[in-house]
Amino acid sequence: MLNRSVALSTAAGLAMVGLFAATPAKAEPDYRVIQWDITRICQIYDFGFGGRPIPSNYRTLTPPLRTFGQALRAKQALYNHGRCLI
């Protein structure tokens, strides 16, 4: 019984490694400032990971930015203009 669960766990682990290895990595970060619809809170999100924020009730407020510093300055400018609560 123990050998069977070890084999199953090993197979599941190898499958996950294969899944992550098969996912193409993006070379450059893709920082953007997003705003959650309900709260109007803004957040910096890196779309370079290939995923999207969950839940999907957000708006993208900036074009892709190359550095976190640029995204931080863009978020501060949006806050100064009253577009973001935080």
C-alpha atoms as a PDB file:
ATOM      1  CA  MET A   1       0.000   0.000   0.000  1.00  0.00           C
ATOM      2  CA  LEU A   2       2.812   2.401   0.895  1.00  0.00           C
ATOM      3  CA  ASN A   3       4.721   1.661  -2.315  1.00  0.00           C
ATOM      4  CA  ARG A   4       1.615   2.326  -4.357  1.00  0.00           C
ATOM      5  CA  SER A   5       1.049   5.766  -2.766  1.00  0.00           C
ATOM      6  CA  VAL A   6       4.730   6.668  -3.160  1.00  0.00           C
ATOM      7  CA  ALA A   7       4.587   5.698  -6.830  1.00  0.00           C
ATOM      8  CA  LEU A   8       1.409   7.710  -7.326  1.00  0.00           C
ATOM      9  CA  SER A   9       2.890  10.757  -5.583  1.00  0.00           C
ATOM     10  CA  THR A  10       6.057  10.494  -7.651  1.00  0.00           C
ATOM     11  CA  ALA A  11       4.070  10.247 -10.885  1.00  0.00           C
ATOM     12  CA  ALA A  12       1.972  13.277  -9.935  1.00  0.00           C
ATOM     13  CA  GLY A  13       5.113  15.254  -9.083  1.00  0.00           C
ATOM     14  CA  LEU A  14       6.760  14.380 -12.384  1.00  0.00           C
ATOM     15  CA  ALA A  15       3.608  15.353 -14.253  1.00  0.00           C
ATOM     16  CA  MET A  16       3.642  18.771 -12.574  1.00  0.00           C
ATOM     17  CA  VAL A  17       7.327  19.274 -13.418  1.00  0.00           C
ATOM     18  CA  GLY A  18       6.543  18.390 -17.026  1.00  0.00           C
ATOM     19  CA  LEU A  19       3.679  20.858 -17.081  1.00  0.00           C
ATOM     20  CA  PHE A  20       5.826  23.719 -15.812  1.00  0.00           C
ATOM     21  CA  ALA A  21       8.704  22.798 -18.106  1.00  0.00           C
ATOM     22  CA  ALA A  22       6.363  22.805 -21.119  1.00  0.00           C
ATOM     23  CA  THR A  23       5.038  26.288 -20.319  1.00  0.00           C
ATOM     24  CA  PRO A  24       7.048  28.835 -22.311  1.00  0.00           C
ATOM     25  CA  ALA A  25       8.752  31.405 -20.112  1.00  0.00           C
ATOM     26  CA  LYS A  26       8.504  35.030 -21.081  1.00  0.00           C
ATOM     27  CA  ALA A  27      11.854  36.792 -21.028  1.00  0.00           C
ATOM     28  CA  GLU A  28      10.598  40.246 -20.091  1.00  0.00           C
ATOM     29  CA  PRO A  29       8.289  41.335 -17.298  1.00  0.00           C
ATOM     30  CA  ASP A  30       4.993  42.878 -18.289  1.00  0.00           C
ATOM     31  CA  TYR A  31       3.996  45.064 -15.340  1.00  0.00           C
ATOM     32  CA  ARG A  32       0.668  46.862 -15.513  1.00  0.00           C
ATOM     33  CA  VAL A  33      -1.472  48.762 -13.062  1.00  0.00           C
ATOM     34  CA  ILE A  34      -4.880  47.188 -12.684  1.00  0.00           C
ATOM     35  CA  GLN A  35      -7.925  48.477 -10.814  1.00  0.00           C
ATOM     36  CA  TRP A  36     -10.444  46.202  -9.114  1.00  0.00           C
ATOM     37  CA  ASP A  37     -13.961  47.180 -10.211  1.00  0.00           C
ATOM     38  CA  ILE A  38     -15.763  46.976  -6.888  1.00  0.00           C
ATOM     39  CA  THR A  39     -13.198  48.606  -4.581  1.00  0.00           C
ATOM     40  CA  ARG A  40     -11.370  50.957  -7.011  1.00  0.00           C
ATOM     41  CA  ILE A  41      -8.124  49.766  -5.395  1.00  0.00           C
ATOM     42  CA  CYS A  42      -5.178  49.690  -7.784  1.00  0.00           C
ATOM     43  CA  GLN A  43      -2.516  47.012  -7.839  1.00  0.00           C
ATOM     44  CA  ILE A  44       0.647  46.339  -9.820  1.00  0.00           C
ATOM     45  CA  TYR A  45       0.417  43.004 -11.595  1.00  0.00           C
ATOM     46  CA  ASP A  46       3.053  41.225 -13.695  1.00  0.00           C
ATOM     47  CA  PHE A  47       1.306  39.717 -16.716  1.00  0.00           C
ATOM     48  CA  GLY A  48       4.664  38.243 -17.785  1.00  0.00           C
ATOM     49  CA  PHE A  49       3.911  35.113 -15.759  1.00  0.00           C
ATOM     50  CA  GLY A  50       1.318  34.150 -18.336  1.00  0.00           C
ATOM     51  CA  GLY A  51      -1.630  34.127 -15.973  1.00  0.00           C
ATOM     52  CA  ARG A  52      -4.359  36.646 -15.336  1.00  0.00           C
ATOM     53  CA  PRO A  53      -5.579  38.028 -12.019  1.00  0.00           C
ATOM     54  CA  ILE A  54      -8.352  36.135 -10.274  1.00  0.00           C
ATOM     55  CA  PRO A  55     -11.143  37.157 -10.033  1.00  0.00           C
ATOM     56  CA  SER A  56     -11.496  38.750 -13.434  1.00  0.00           C
ATOM     57  CA  ASN A  57     -13.380  41.872 -12.314  1.00  0.00           C
ATOM     58  CA  TYR A  58     -10.552  44.342 -12.975  1.00  0.00           C
ATOM     59  CA  ARG A  59      -9.570  46.961 -15.540  1.00  0.00           C
ATOM     60  CA  THR A  60      -6.068  47.507 -16.897  1.00  0.00           C
ATOM     61  CA  LEU A  61      -5.118  51.170 -16.507  1.00  0.00           C
ATOM     62  CA  THR A  62      -1.623  51.263 -18.035  1.00  0.00           C
ATOM     63  CA  PRO A  63       0.136  49.845 -21.061  1.00  0.00           C
ATOM     64  CA  PRO A  64       2.864  47.243 -20.448  1.00  0.00           C
ATOM     65  CA  LEU A  65       5.729  48.637 -18.353  1.00  0.00           C
ATOM     66  CA  ARG A  66       9.213  47.100 -18.301  1.00  0.00           C
ATOM     67  CA  THR A  67      10.184  47.682 -14.661  1.00  0.00           C
ATOM     68  CA  PHE A  68       8.470  47.581 -11.297  1.00  0.00           C
ATOM     69  CA  GLY A  69       9.725  51.135 -10.673  1.00  0.00           C
ATOM     70  CA  GLN A  70       7.894  52.414 -13.750  1.00  0.00           C
ATOM     71  CA  ALA A  71       4.728  50.641 -12.608  1.00  0.00           C
ATOM     72  CA  LEU A  72       5.080  52.118  -9.120  1.00  0.00           C
ATOM     73  CA  ARG A  73       5.424  55.640 -10.531  1.00  0.00           C
ATOM     74  CA  ALA A  74       2.417  55.078 -12.819  1.00  0.00           C
ATOM     75  CA  LYS A  75       0.339  53.844  -9.882  1.00  0.00           C
ATOM     76  CA  GLN A  76       1.336  56.891  -7.822  1.00  0.00           C
ATOM     77  CA  ALA A  77       0.367  59.215 -10.696  1.00  0.00           C
ATOM     78  CA  LEU A  78      -3.033  57.498 -10.972  1.00  0.00           C
ATOM     79  CA  TYR A  79      -3.515  57.904  -7.222  1.00  0.00           C
ATOM     80  CA  ASN A  80      -2.550  61.599  -7.401  1.00  0.00           C
ATOM     81  CA  HIS A  81      -5.163  62.151 -10.124  1.00  0.00           C
ATOM     82  CA  GLY A  82      -7.894  60.448  -8.070  1.00  0.00           C
ATOM     83  CA  ARG A  83      -8.176  57.322 -10.240  1.00  0.00           C
ATOM     84  CA  CYS A  84      -7.202  54.908  -7.435  1.00  0.00           C
ATOM     85  CA  LEU A  85      -8.159  54.700  -3.781  1.00  0.00           C
ATOM     86  CA  ILE A  86      -4.874  53.107  -2.728  1.00  0.00           C
END
